[in-house]
Amino acid sequence: MIAAGRTGSAPHARMRPFLRQQAWFACLFAALVLACWAALWAWSASPYARYLDHPGWRDAASFAAFCRAIAVPASVHALVWVLMIGAMMLPTSYPLLAMFRRVTGHRSDGAWLAALVAIGFVLAWMVFGVLAYLADGAVRAWAAQSAWFVVHGSLVAAFVLAAAGVFQFSALKYRCLEKCRAPFAFIASRWHGRAPAREALRLGLGHGAYCVGCCAPLMLVMFVVGMGSIGWMLALAALMAIEKNVPAGRHVRTPLGIALIGWATYLVAAS
């Protein structure tokens, strides 16, 4: 009986280091995300908040304020975008990162490989951020030369909201959402361990690309409501996290799409 007791306790003893490792990973991940939110909040409350603020496009007054706003340098925009990715999008990737950490937890370089996955994920969103920055500059240039554009800026906001709403019902949205909601299958199809660093980075890039395909239109809504709004960041981050990670999240896309289209219709009618 004593031998049986010792044998039975052996698997539990082997599991303890793994559980501690997973707990440390979860704590470090949460600390990183909270640090990004804290940095955004501190920035928004500082004298340099004007570099974070980006007035929305919901009416002529706010759009005129957007046209008068200080043009944000590319380096500052990149920093803001990295913080927003860390605060809003990185939490949605936790199931995949935690699963990958479980798969590679026995390796001495497991922590570095998980970091490469996260770096690849952020790089995919940085590419989208560059495109958004260029589009923002084009809109500013257009608005600076057109009084009509300033007065009817809400129509631009309505177009963005309607496009985001319609995208909720698209096949591309469904495909990207399903890829994001199946982290184990995603890892199994892309991780072989033959070229660990390259595979980990490509895994993060691939997951980030599907995440962009799933959530980019919702991120563009930030241009409508105001890029510097912590409240809207929290609301949209919660919606995207629920949509990607909660079992019933796939059912969110339909009412959310209807709400966005309804909001766009209201802006058109009000203008």
C-alpha atoms as a PDB file:
ATOM      1  CA  MET A   1       0.000   0.000   0.000  1.00  0.00           C
ATOM      2  CA  ILE A   2       2.875   2.331   0.784  1.00  0.00           C
ATOM      3  CA  ALA A   3       4.447   1.565  -2.608  1.00  0.00           C
ATOM      4  CA  ALA A   4       1.116   2.171  -4.300  1.00  0.00           C
ATOM      5  CA  GLY A   5       0.767   5.492  -2.496  1.00  0.00           C
ATOM      6  CA  ARG A   6       4.228   6.548  -3.596  1.00  0.00           C
ATOM      7  CA  THR A   7       3.524   5.499  -7.181  1.00  0.00           C
ATOM      8  CA  GLY A   8       0.250   7.398  -7.221  1.00  0.00           C
ATOM      9  CA  SER A   9       1.905  10.563  -5.967  1.00  0.00           C
ATOM     10  CA  ALA A  10       4.672  10.482  -8.611  1.00  0.00           C
ATOM     11  CA  PRO A  11       2.538  11.939 -11.476  1.00  0.00           C
ATOM     12  CA  HIS A  12       1.393  14.737  -9.160  1.00  0.00           C
ATOM     13  CA  ALA A  13       4.993  15.489  -8.234  1.00  0.00           C
ATOM     14  CA  ARG A  14       5.939  15.668 -11.902  1.00  0.00           C
ATOM     15  CA  MET A  15       2.997  17.972 -12.608  1.00  0.00           C
ATOM     16  CA  ARG A  16       3.905  20.538  -9.942  1.00  0.00           C
ATOM     17  CA  PRO A  17       6.816  22.181 -11.853  1.00  0.00           C
ATOM     18  CA  PHE A  18       4.662  22.349 -14.977  1.00  0.00           C
ATOM     19  CA  LEU A  19       1.772  23.969 -13.103  1.00  0.00           C
ATOM     20  CA  ARG A  20       4.132  26.465 -11.494  1.00  0.00           C
ATOM     21  CA  GLN A  21       5.552  27.252 -14.928  1.00  0.00           C
ATOM     22  CA  GLN A  22       2.061  27.851 -16.324  1.00  0.00           C
ATOM     23  CA  ALA A  23       1.158  30.033 -13.347  1.00  0.00           C
ATOM     24  CA  TRP A  24       4.280  32.158 -13.813  1.00  0.00           C
ATOM     25  CA  PHE A  25       3.533  32.513 -17.502  1.00  0.00           C
ATOM     26  CA  ALA A  26      -0.031  33.655 -16.767  1.00  0.00           C
ATOM     27  CA  CYS A  27       1.204  36.175 -14.186  1.00  0.00           C
ATOM     28  CA  LEU A  28       3.864  37.622 -16.500  1.00  0.00           C
ATOM     29  CA  PHE A  29       1.377  37.827 -19.365  1.00  0.00           C
ATOM     30  CA  ALA A  30      -1.172  39.628 -17.183  1.00  0.00           C
ATOM     31  CA  ALA A  31       1.530  42.003 -15.917  1.00  0.00           C
ATOM     32  CA  LEU A  32       2.532  42.888 -19.487  1.00  0.00           C
ATOM     33  CA  VAL A  33      -1.047  43.595 -20.538  1.00  0.00           C
ATOM     34  CA  LEU A  34      -1.766  45.656 -17.407  1.00  0.00           C
ATOM     35  CA  ALA A  35       1.461  47.609 -17.963  1.00  0.00           C
ATOM     36  CA  CYS A  36       0.257  48.536 -21.474  1.00  0.00           C
ATOM     37  CA  TRP A  37      -3.106  49.700 -20.125  1.00  0.00           C
ATOM     38  CA  ALA A  38      -1.386  51.653 -17.340  1.00  0.00           C
ATOM     39  CA  ALA A  39       0.961  53.325 -19.836  1.00  0.00           C
ATOM     40  CA  LEU A  40      -1.966  54.359 -22.046  1.00  0.00           C
ATOM     41  CA  TRP A  41      -3.892  55.711 -19.065  1.00  0.00           C
ATOM     42  CA  ALA A  42      -0.871  57.627 -17.744  1.00  0.00           C
ATOM     43  CA  TRP A  43      -0.195  59.035 -21.206  1.00  0.00           C
ATOM     44  CA  SER A  44      -3.802  60.166 -21.620  1.00  0.00           C
ATOM     45  CA  ALA A  45      -3.585  62.004 -18.270  1.00  0.00           C
ATOM     46  CA  SER A  46      -0.212  63.631 -19.003  1.00  0.00           C
ATOM     47  CA  PRO A  47       0.606  66.974 -20.683  1.00  0.00           C
ATOM     48  CA  TYR A  48       1.503  64.950 -23.804  1.00  0.00           C
ATOM     49  CA  ALA A  49      -2.019  63.556 -24.208  1.00  0.00           C
ATOM     50  CA  ARG A  50      -2.378  65.558 -27.437  1.00  0.00           C
ATOM     51  CA  TYR A  51      -0.102  63.025 -29.139  1.00  0.00           C
ATOM     52  CA  LEU A  52      -2.368  60.184 -28.067  1.00  0.00           C
ATOM     53  CA  ASP A  53      -5.664  61.900 -28.809  1.00  0.00           C
ATOM     54  CA  HIS A  54      -7.279  61.435 -32.208  1.00  0.00           C
ATOM     55  CA  PRO A  55     -10.717  63.096 -32.410  1.00  0.00           C
ATOM     56  CA  GLY A  56     -13.454  60.950 -33.880  1.00  0.00           C
ATOM     57  CA  TRP A  57     -15.388  61.522 -37.087  1.00  0.00           C
ATOM     58  CA  ARG A  58     -18.923  61.386 -35.751  1.00  0.00           C
ATOM     59  CA  ASP A  59     -19.915  65.003 -36.504  1.00  0.00           C
ATOM     60  CA  ALA A  60     -18.610  68.143 -38.184  1.00  0.00           C
ATOM     61  CA  ALA A  61     -17.276  69.658 -34.956  1.00  0.00           C
ATOM     62  CA  SER A  62     -15.237  66.598 -33.998  1.00  0.00           C
ATOM     63  CA  PHE A  63     -14.036  66.155 -37.562  1.00  0.00           C
ATOM     64  CA  ALA A  64     -12.907  69.799 -37.668  1.00  0.00           C
ATOM     65  CA  ALA A  65     -11.016  69.159 -34.418  1.00  0.00           C
ATOM     66  CA  PHE A  66      -9.419  66.141 -36.091  1.00  0.00           C
ATOM     67  CA  CYS A  67      -8.254  68.371 -38.965  1.00  0.00           C
ATOM     68  CA  ARG A  68      -6.719  70.846 -36.501  1.00  0.00           C
ATOM     69  CA  ALA A  69      -5.074  68.132 -34.410  1.00  0.00           C
ATOM     70  CA  ILE A  70      -1.314  67.849 -34.264  1.00  0.00           C
ATOM     71  CA  ALA A  71       0.090  65.433 -36.829  1.00  0.00           C
ATOM     72  CA  VAL A  72       1.588  62.582 -34.844  1.00  0.00           C
ATOM     73  CA  PRO A  73       5.157  61.637 -35.880  1.00  0.00           C
ATOM     74  CA  ALA A  74       5.559  58.117 -37.187  1.00  0.00           C
ATOM     75  CA  SER A  75       7.720  57.079 -34.222  1.00  0.00           C
ATOM     76  CA  VAL A  76       5.116  58.292 -31.704  1.00  0.00           C
ATOM     77  CA  HIS A  77       2.313  56.656 -33.685  1.00  0.00           C
ATOM     78  CA  ALA A  78       4.287  53.389 -33.644  1.00  0.00           C
ATOM     79  CA  LEU A  79       4.695  53.576 -29.859  1.00  0.00           C
ATOM     80  CA  VAL A  80       0.997  54.307 -29.356  1.00  0.00           C
ATOM     81  CA  TRP A  81       0.078  51.458 -31.680  1.00  0.00           C
ATOM     82  CA  VAL A  82       2.344  48.982 -29.855  1.00  0.00           C
ATOM     83  CA  LEU A  83       0.742  49.932 -26.538  1.00  0.00           C
ATOM     84  CA  MET A  84      -2.740  49.554 -28.038  1.00  0.00           C
ATOM     85  CA  ILE A  85      -1.850  46.125 -29.447  1.00  0.00           C
ATOM     86  CA  GLY A  86      -0.456  45.051 -26.082  1.00  0.00           C
ATOM     87  CA  ALA A  87      -3.529  46.333 -24.243  1.00  0.00           C
ATOM     88  CA  MET A  88      -6.312  45.394 -26.663  1.00  0.00           C
ATOM     89  CA  MET A  89      -5.145  42.549 -28.905  1.00  0.00           C
ATOM     90  CA  LEU A  90      -2.504  40.616 -26.963  1.00  0.00           C
ATOM     91  CA  PRO A  91      -5.077  39.379 -24.397  1.00  0.00           C
ATOM     92  CA  THR A  92      -7.061  37.774 -27.227  1.00  0.00           C
ATOM     93  CA  SER A  93      -3.984  35.683 -28.118  1.00  0.00           C
ATOM     94  CA  TYR A  94      -3.560  34.234 -24.610  1.00  0.00           C
ATOM     95  CA  PRO A  95      -5.216  30.841 -25.382  1.00  0.00           C
ATOM     96  CA  LEU A  96      -2.772  30.235 -28.243  1.00  0.00           C
ATOM     97  CA  LEU A  97       0.270  31.427 -26.273  1.00  0.00           C
ATOM     98  CA  ALA A  98      -0.701  29.340 -23.231  1.00  0.00           C
ATOM     99  CA  MET A  99      -1.236  26.274 -25.431  1.00  0.00           C
ATOM    100  CA  PHE A 100       2.101  26.816 -27.172  1.00  0.00           C
ATOM    101  CA  ARG A 101       3.781  27.190 -23.782  1.00  0.00           C
ATOM    102  CA  ARG A 102       2.318  23.825 -22.761  1.00  0.00           C
ATOM    103  CA  VAL A 103       3.588  22.201 -25.955  1.00  0.00           C
ATOM    104  CA  THR A 104       7.114  23.610 -25.584  1.00  0.00           C
ATOM    105  CA  GLY A 105       7.289  23.731 -21.782  1.00  0.00           C
ATOM    106  CA  HIS A 106       9.759  20.840 -21.638  1.00  0.00           C
ATOM    107  CA  ARG A 107      12.288  22.706 -23.805  1.00  0.00           C
ATOM    108  CA  SER A 108      15.060  24.840 -22.332  1.00  0.00           C
ATOM    109  CA  ASP A 109      14.279  27.539 -24.896  1.00  0.00           C
ATOM    110  CA  GLY A 110      10.515  27.343 -24.360  1.00  0.00           C
ATOM    111  CA  ALA A 111      10.214  30.858 -22.924  1.00  0.00           C
ATOM    112  CA  TRP A 112      12.160  32.354 -25.843  1.00  0.00           C
ATOM    113  CA  LEU A 113      10.006  30.496 -28.361  1.00  0.00           C
ATOM    114  CA  ALA A 114       6.821  31.791 -26.704  1.00  0.00           C
ATOM    115  CA  ALA A 115       8.289  35.301 -26.880  1.00  0.00           C
ATOM    116  CA  LEU A 116       8.914  34.817 -30.619  1.00  0.00           C
ATOM    117  CA  VAL A 117       5.277  33.829 -31.102  1.00  0.00           C
ATOM    118  CA  ALA A 118       4.206  37.030 -29.333  1.00  0.00           C
ATOM    119  CA  ILE A 119       6.665  39.087 -31.409  1.00  0.00           C
ATOM    120  CA  GLY A 120       5.274  37.609 -34.625  1.00  0.00           C
ATOM    121  CA  PHE A 121       1.743  38.399 -33.482  1.00  0.00           C
ATOM    122  CA  VAL A 122       2.684  42.024 -32.762  1.00  0.00           C
ATOM    123  CA  LEU A 123       4.526  42.344 -36.104  1.00  0.00           C
ATOM    124  CA  ALA A 124       1.393  41.308 -37.992  1.00  0.00           C
ATOM    125  CA  TRP A 125      -0.578  44.039 -36.235  1.00  0.00           C
ATOM    126  CA  MET A 126       2.246  46.542 -36.829  1.00  0.00           C
ATOM    127  CA  VAL A 127       1.866  46.020 -40.587  1.00  0.00           C
ATOM    128  CA  PHE A 128      -1.812  46.885 -40.239  1.00  0.00           C
ATOM    129  CA  GLY A 129      -0.817  49.882 -38.097  1.00  0.00           C
ATOM    130  CA  VAL A 130       1.456  51.218 -40.852  1.00  0.00           C
ATOM    131  CA  LEU A 131      -1.389  50.968 -43.361  1.00  0.00           C
ATOM    132  CA  ALA A 132      -3.731  52.719 -40.925  1.00  0.00           C
ATOM    133  CA  TYR A 133      -1.152  55.481 -40.395  1.00  0.00           C
ATOM    134  CA  LEU A 134      -0.851  56.040 -44.155  1.00  0.00           C
ATOM    135  CA  ALA A 135      -4.646  56.096 -44.515  1.00  0.00           C
ATOM    136  CA  ASP A 136      -4.874  58.577 -41.640  1.00  0.00           C
ATOM    137  CA  GLY A 137      -2.379  60.857 -43.394  1.00  0.00           C
ATOM    138  CA  ALA A 138      -4.334  60.641 -46.656  1.00  0.00           C
ATOM    139  CA  VAL A 139      -7.572  61.575 -44.892  1.00  0.00           C
ATOM    140  CA  ARG A 140      -5.868  64.538 -43.213  1.00  0.00           C
ATOM    141  CA  ALA A 141      -4.481  65.757 -46.546  1.00  0.00           C
ATOM    142  CA  TRP A 142      -7.889  65.430 -48.191  1.00  0.00           C
ATOM    143  CA  ALA A 143      -9.675  67.191 -45.339  1.00  0.00           C
ATOM    144  CA  ALA A 144      -7.169  70.069 -45.359  1.00  0.00           C
ATOM    145  CA  GLN A 145      -8.093  70.838 -48.973  1.00  0.00           C
ATOM    146  CA  SER A 146     -11.862  70.327 -48.815  1.00  0.00           C
ATOM    147  CA  ALA A 147     -14.346  72.314 -46.718  1.00  0.00           C
ATOM    148  CA  TRP A 148     -17.081  69.903 -47.854  1.00  0.00           C
ATOM    149  CA  PHE A 149     -15.118  67.029 -46.374  1.00  0.00           C
ATOM    150  CA  VAL A 150     -15.004  68.718 -42.953  1.00  0.00           C
ATOM    151  CA  VAL A 151     -18.716  69.531 -42.960  1.00  0.00           C
ATOM    152  CA  HIS A 152     -19.697  66.030 -44.103  1.00  0.00           C
ATOM    153  CA  GLY A 153     -17.059  64.136 -42.156  1.00  0.00           C
ATOM    154  CA  SER A 154     -19.777  62.091 -40.461  1.00  0.00           C
ATOM    155  CA  LEU A 155     -20.402  60.386 -43.809  1.00  0.00           C
ATOM    156  CA  VAL A 156     -16.843  59.052 -43.656  1.00  0.00           C
ATOM    157  CA  ALA A 157     -17.559  57.782 -40.146  1.00  0.00           C
ATOM    158  CA  ALA A 158     -20.800  56.194 -41.373  1.00  0.00           C
ATOM    159  CA  PHE A 159     -18.922  54.445 -44.186  1.00  0.00           C
ATOM    160  CA  VAL A 160     -16.339  53.002 -41.767  1.00  0.00           C
ATOM    161  CA  LEU A 161     -19.052  51.807 -39.361  1.00  0.00           C
ATOM    162  CA  ALA A 162     -21.152  50.313 -42.155  1.00  0.00           C
ATOM    163  CA  ALA A 163     -18.112  48.539 -43.626  1.00  0.00           C
ATOM    164  CA  ALA A 164     -17.222  47.116 -40.202  1.00  0.00           C
ATOM    165  CA  GLY A 165     -20.834  46.022 -39.712  1.00  0.00           C
ATOM    166  CA  VAL A 166     -21.115  44.322 -43.126  1.00  0.00           C
ATOM    167  CA  PHE A 167     -17.759  42.601 -42.579  1.00  0.00           C
ATOM    168  CA  GLN A 168     -19.227  40.875 -39.507  1.00  0.00           C
ATOM    169  CA  PHE A 169     -21.358  38.781 -41.895  1.00  0.00           C
ATOM    170  CA  SER A 170     -18.604  37.986 -44.420  1.00  0.00           C
ATOM    171  CA  ALA A 171     -17.085  34.562 -45.109  1.00  0.00           C
ATOM    172  CA  LEU A 172     -13.613  36.004 -44.433  1.00  0.00           C
ATOM    173  CA  LYS A 173     -14.671  37.063 -40.945  1.00  0.00           C
ATOM    174  CA  TYR A 174     -16.033  33.590 -40.243  1.00  0.00           C
ATOM    175  CA  ARG A 175     -12.912  31.839 -41.537  1.00  0.00           C
ATOM    176  CA  CYS A 176     -10.523  34.053 -39.552  1.00  0.00           C
ATOM    177  CA  LEU A 177     -12.647  33.768 -36.407  1.00  0.00           C
ATOM    178  CA  GLU A 178     -12.680  29.971 -36.599  1.00  0.00           C
ATOM    179  CA  LYS A 179      -8.891  29.870 -36.998  1.00  0.00           C
ATOM    180  CA  CYS A 180      -8.485  32.108 -33.948  1.00  0.00           C
ATOM    181  CA  ARG A 181     -10.855  29.963 -31.902  1.00  0.00           C
ATOM    182  CA  ALA A 182      -8.900  26.713 -32.478  1.00  0.00           C
ATOM    183  CA  PRO A 183      -5.430  27.314 -30.981  1.00  0.00           C
ATOM    184  CA  PHE A 184      -4.457  23.643 -30.630  1.00  0.00           C
ATOM    185  CA  ALA A 185      -5.260  22.830 -34.266  1.00  0.00           C
ATOM    186  CA  PHE A 186      -3.459  25.995 -35.347  1.00  0.00           C
ATOM    187  CA  ILE A 187      -0.306  25.006 -33.457  1.00  0.00           C
ATOM    188  CA  ALA A 188      -0.441  21.354 -34.532  1.00  0.00           C
ATOM    189  CA  SER A 189      -0.545  22.325 -38.205  1.00  0.00           C
ATOM    190  CA  ARG A 190       2.372  24.774 -37.982  1.00  0.00           C
ATOM    191  CA  TRP A 191       4.696  23.627 -35.194  1.00  0.00           C
ATOM    192  CA  HIS A 192       7.058  20.725 -35.966  1.00  0.00           C
ATOM    193  CA  GLY A 193      10.156  21.703 -33.958  1.00  0.00           C
ATOM    194  CA  ARG A 194      12.605  21.225 -36.817  1.00  0.00           C
ATOM    195  CA  ALA A 195      13.461  24.951 -37.046  1.00  0.00           C
ATOM    196  CA  PRO A 196      12.157  26.161 -33.676  1.00  0.00           C
ATOM    197  CA  ALA A 197      12.844  29.901 -33.874  1.00  0.00           C
ATOM    198  CA  ARG A 198      11.592  30.307 -37.434  1.00  0.00           C
ATOM    199  CA  GLU A 199       8.520  28.153 -36.819  1.00  0.00           C
ATOM    200  CA  ALA A 200       7.635  30.065 -33.643  1.00  0.00           C
ATOM    201  CA  LEU A 201       7.930  33.435 -35.383  1.00  0.00           C
ATOM    202  CA  ARG A 202       5.889  32.207 -38.361  1.00  0.00           C
ATOM    203  CA  LEU A 203       3.308  30.782 -35.978  1.00  0.00           C
ATOM    204  CA  GLY A 204       2.909  34.198 -34.346  1.00  0.00           C
ATOM    205  CA  LEU A 205       2.783  35.970 -37.712  1.00  0.00           C
ATOM    206  CA  GLY A 206       0.148  33.553 -38.993  1.00  0.00           C
ATOM    207  CA  HIS A 207      -2.007  33.865 -35.902  1.00  0.00           C
ATOM    208  CA  GLY A 208      -1.591  37.643 -35.999  1.00  0.00           C
ATOM    209  CA  ALA A 209      -2.641  37.718 -39.667  1.00  0.00           C
ATOM    210  CA  TYR A 210      -5.833  35.790 -38.900  1.00  0.00           C
ATOM    211  CA  CYS A 211      -6.431  38.053 -35.900  1.00  0.00           C
ATOM    212  CA  VAL A 212      -6.058  41.125 -38.141  1.00  0.00           C
ATOM    213  CA  GLY A 213      -8.457  39.553 -40.626  1.00  0.00           C
ATOM    214  CA  CYS A 214     -10.935  38.938 -37.833  1.00  0.00           C
ATOM    215  CA  CYS A 215     -10.660  42.206 -35.886  1.00  0.00           C
ATOM    216  CA  ALA A 216      -9.170  44.936 -38.134  1.00  0.00           C
ATOM    217  CA  PRO A 217     -12.540  46.466 -39.095  1.00  0.00           C
ATOM    218  CA  LEU A 218     -13.429  46.768 -35.411  1.00  0.00           C
ATOM    219  CA  MET A 219     -10.074  48.434 -34.745  1.00  0.00           C
ATOM    220  CA  LEU A 220     -10.895  50.955 -37.487  1.00  0.00           C
ATOM    221  CA  VAL A 221     -13.957  51.925 -35.429  1.00  0.00           C
ATOM    222  CA  MET A 222     -11.432  53.629 -33.118  1.00  0.00           C
ATOM    223  CA  PHE A 223     -10.986  56.253 -35.862  1.00  0.00           C
ATOM    224  CA  VAL A 224     -14.696  57.009 -35.567  1.00  0.00           C
ATOM    225  CA  VAL A 225     -14.980  57.178 -31.785  1.00  0.00           C
ATOM    226  CA  GLY A 226     -11.521  58.659 -31.109  1.00  0.00           C
ATOM    227  CA  MET A 227      -8.168  56.877 -30.920  1.00  0.00           C
ATOM    228  CA  GLY A 228      -7.309  58.283 -27.505  1.00  0.00           C
ATOM    229  CA  SER A 229     -10.448  57.106 -25.698  1.00  0.00           C
ATOM    230  CA  ILE A 230      -9.507  54.584 -23.000  1.00  0.00           C
ATOM    231  CA  GLY A 231     -13.193  53.758 -22.466  1.00  0.00           C
ATOM    232  CA  TRP A 232     -13.746  52.819 -26.108  1.00  0.00           C
ATOM    233  CA  MET A 233     -10.478  50.850 -26.115  1.00  0.00           C
ATOM    234  CA  LEU A 234     -11.746  48.800 -23.165  1.00  0.00           C
ATOM    235  CA  ALA A 235     -15.159  48.254 -24.763  1.00  0.00           C
ATOM    236  CA  LEU A 236     -13.787  47.152 -28.133  1.00  0.00           C
ATOM    237  CA  ALA A 237     -11.074  45.014 -26.508  1.00  0.00           C
ATOM    238  CA  ALA A 238     -13.733  43.235 -24.443  1.00  0.00           C
ATOM    239  CA  LEU A 239     -15.896  42.624 -27.533  1.00  0.00           C
ATOM    240  CA  MET A 240     -12.982  41.202 -29.528  1.00  0.00           C
ATOM    241  CA  ALA A 241     -11.835  39.005 -26.633  1.00  0.00           C
ATOM    242  CA  ILE A 242     -15.348  37.618 -26.152  1.00  0.00           C
ATOM    243  CA  GLU A 243     -15.783  37.038 -29.867  1.00  0.00           C
ATOM    244  CA  LYS A 244     -12.505  35.130 -30.162  1.00  0.00           C
ATOM    245  CA  ASN A 245     -12.214  33.252 -26.869  1.00  0.00           C
ATOM    246  CA  VAL A 246     -15.585  32.769 -25.172  1.00  0.00           C
ATOM    247  CA  PRO A 247     -17.539  29.631 -26.214  1.00  0.00           C
ATOM    248  CA  ALA A 248     -20.626  31.661 -27.172  1.00  0.00           C
ATOM    249  CA  GLY A 249     -18.498  34.415 -28.726  1.00  0.00           C
ATOM    250  CA  ARG A 250     -19.250  33.384 -32.318  1.00  0.00           C
ATOM    251  CA  HIS A 251     -22.836  34.519 -31.708  1.00  0.00           C
ATOM    252  CA  VAL A 252     -21.678  38.065 -30.927  1.00  0.00           C
ATOM    253  CA  ARG A 253     -20.761  38.905 -34.515  1.00  0.00           C
ATOM    254  CA  THR A 254     -24.374  39.089 -35.769  1.00  0.00           C
ATOM    255  CA  PRO A 255     -25.823  41.537 -33.205  1.00  0.00           C
ATOM    256  CA  LEU A 256     -22.585  43.529 -33.320  1.00  0.00           C
ATOM    257  CA  GLY A 257     -22.815  43.800 -37.107  1.00  0.00           C
ATOM    258  CA  ILE A 258     -26.440  44.931 -36.897  1.00  0.00           C
ATOM    259  CA  ALA A 259     -25.527  47.518 -34.247  1.00  0.00           C
ATOM    260  CA  LEU A 260     -22.706  48.955 -36.363  1.00  0.00           C
ATOM    261  CA  ILE A 261     -24.904  49.190 -39.465  1.00  0.00           C
ATOM    262  CA  GLY A 262     -27.645  50.817 -37.383  1.00  0.00           C
ATOM    263  CA  TRP A 263     -25.146  53.346 -36.011  1.00  0.00           C
ATOM    264  CA  ALA A 264     -23.979  54.153 -39.537  1.00  0.00           C
ATOM    265  CA  THR A 265     -27.591  54.654 -40.672  1.00  0.00           C
ATOM    266  CA  TYR A 266     -28.212  57.024 -37.785  1.00  0.00           C
ATOM    267  CA  LEU A 267     -25.151  59.141 -38.705  1.00  0.00           C
ATOM    268  CA  VAL A 268     -26.295  59.394 -42.320  1.00  0.00           C
ATOM    269  CA  ALA A 269     -29.805  60.394 -41.256  1.00  0.00           C
ATOM    270  CA  ALA A 270     -28.462  62.938 -38.745  1.00  0.00           C
ATOM    271  CA  SER A 271     -26.152  64.518 -41.315  1.00  0.00           C
END
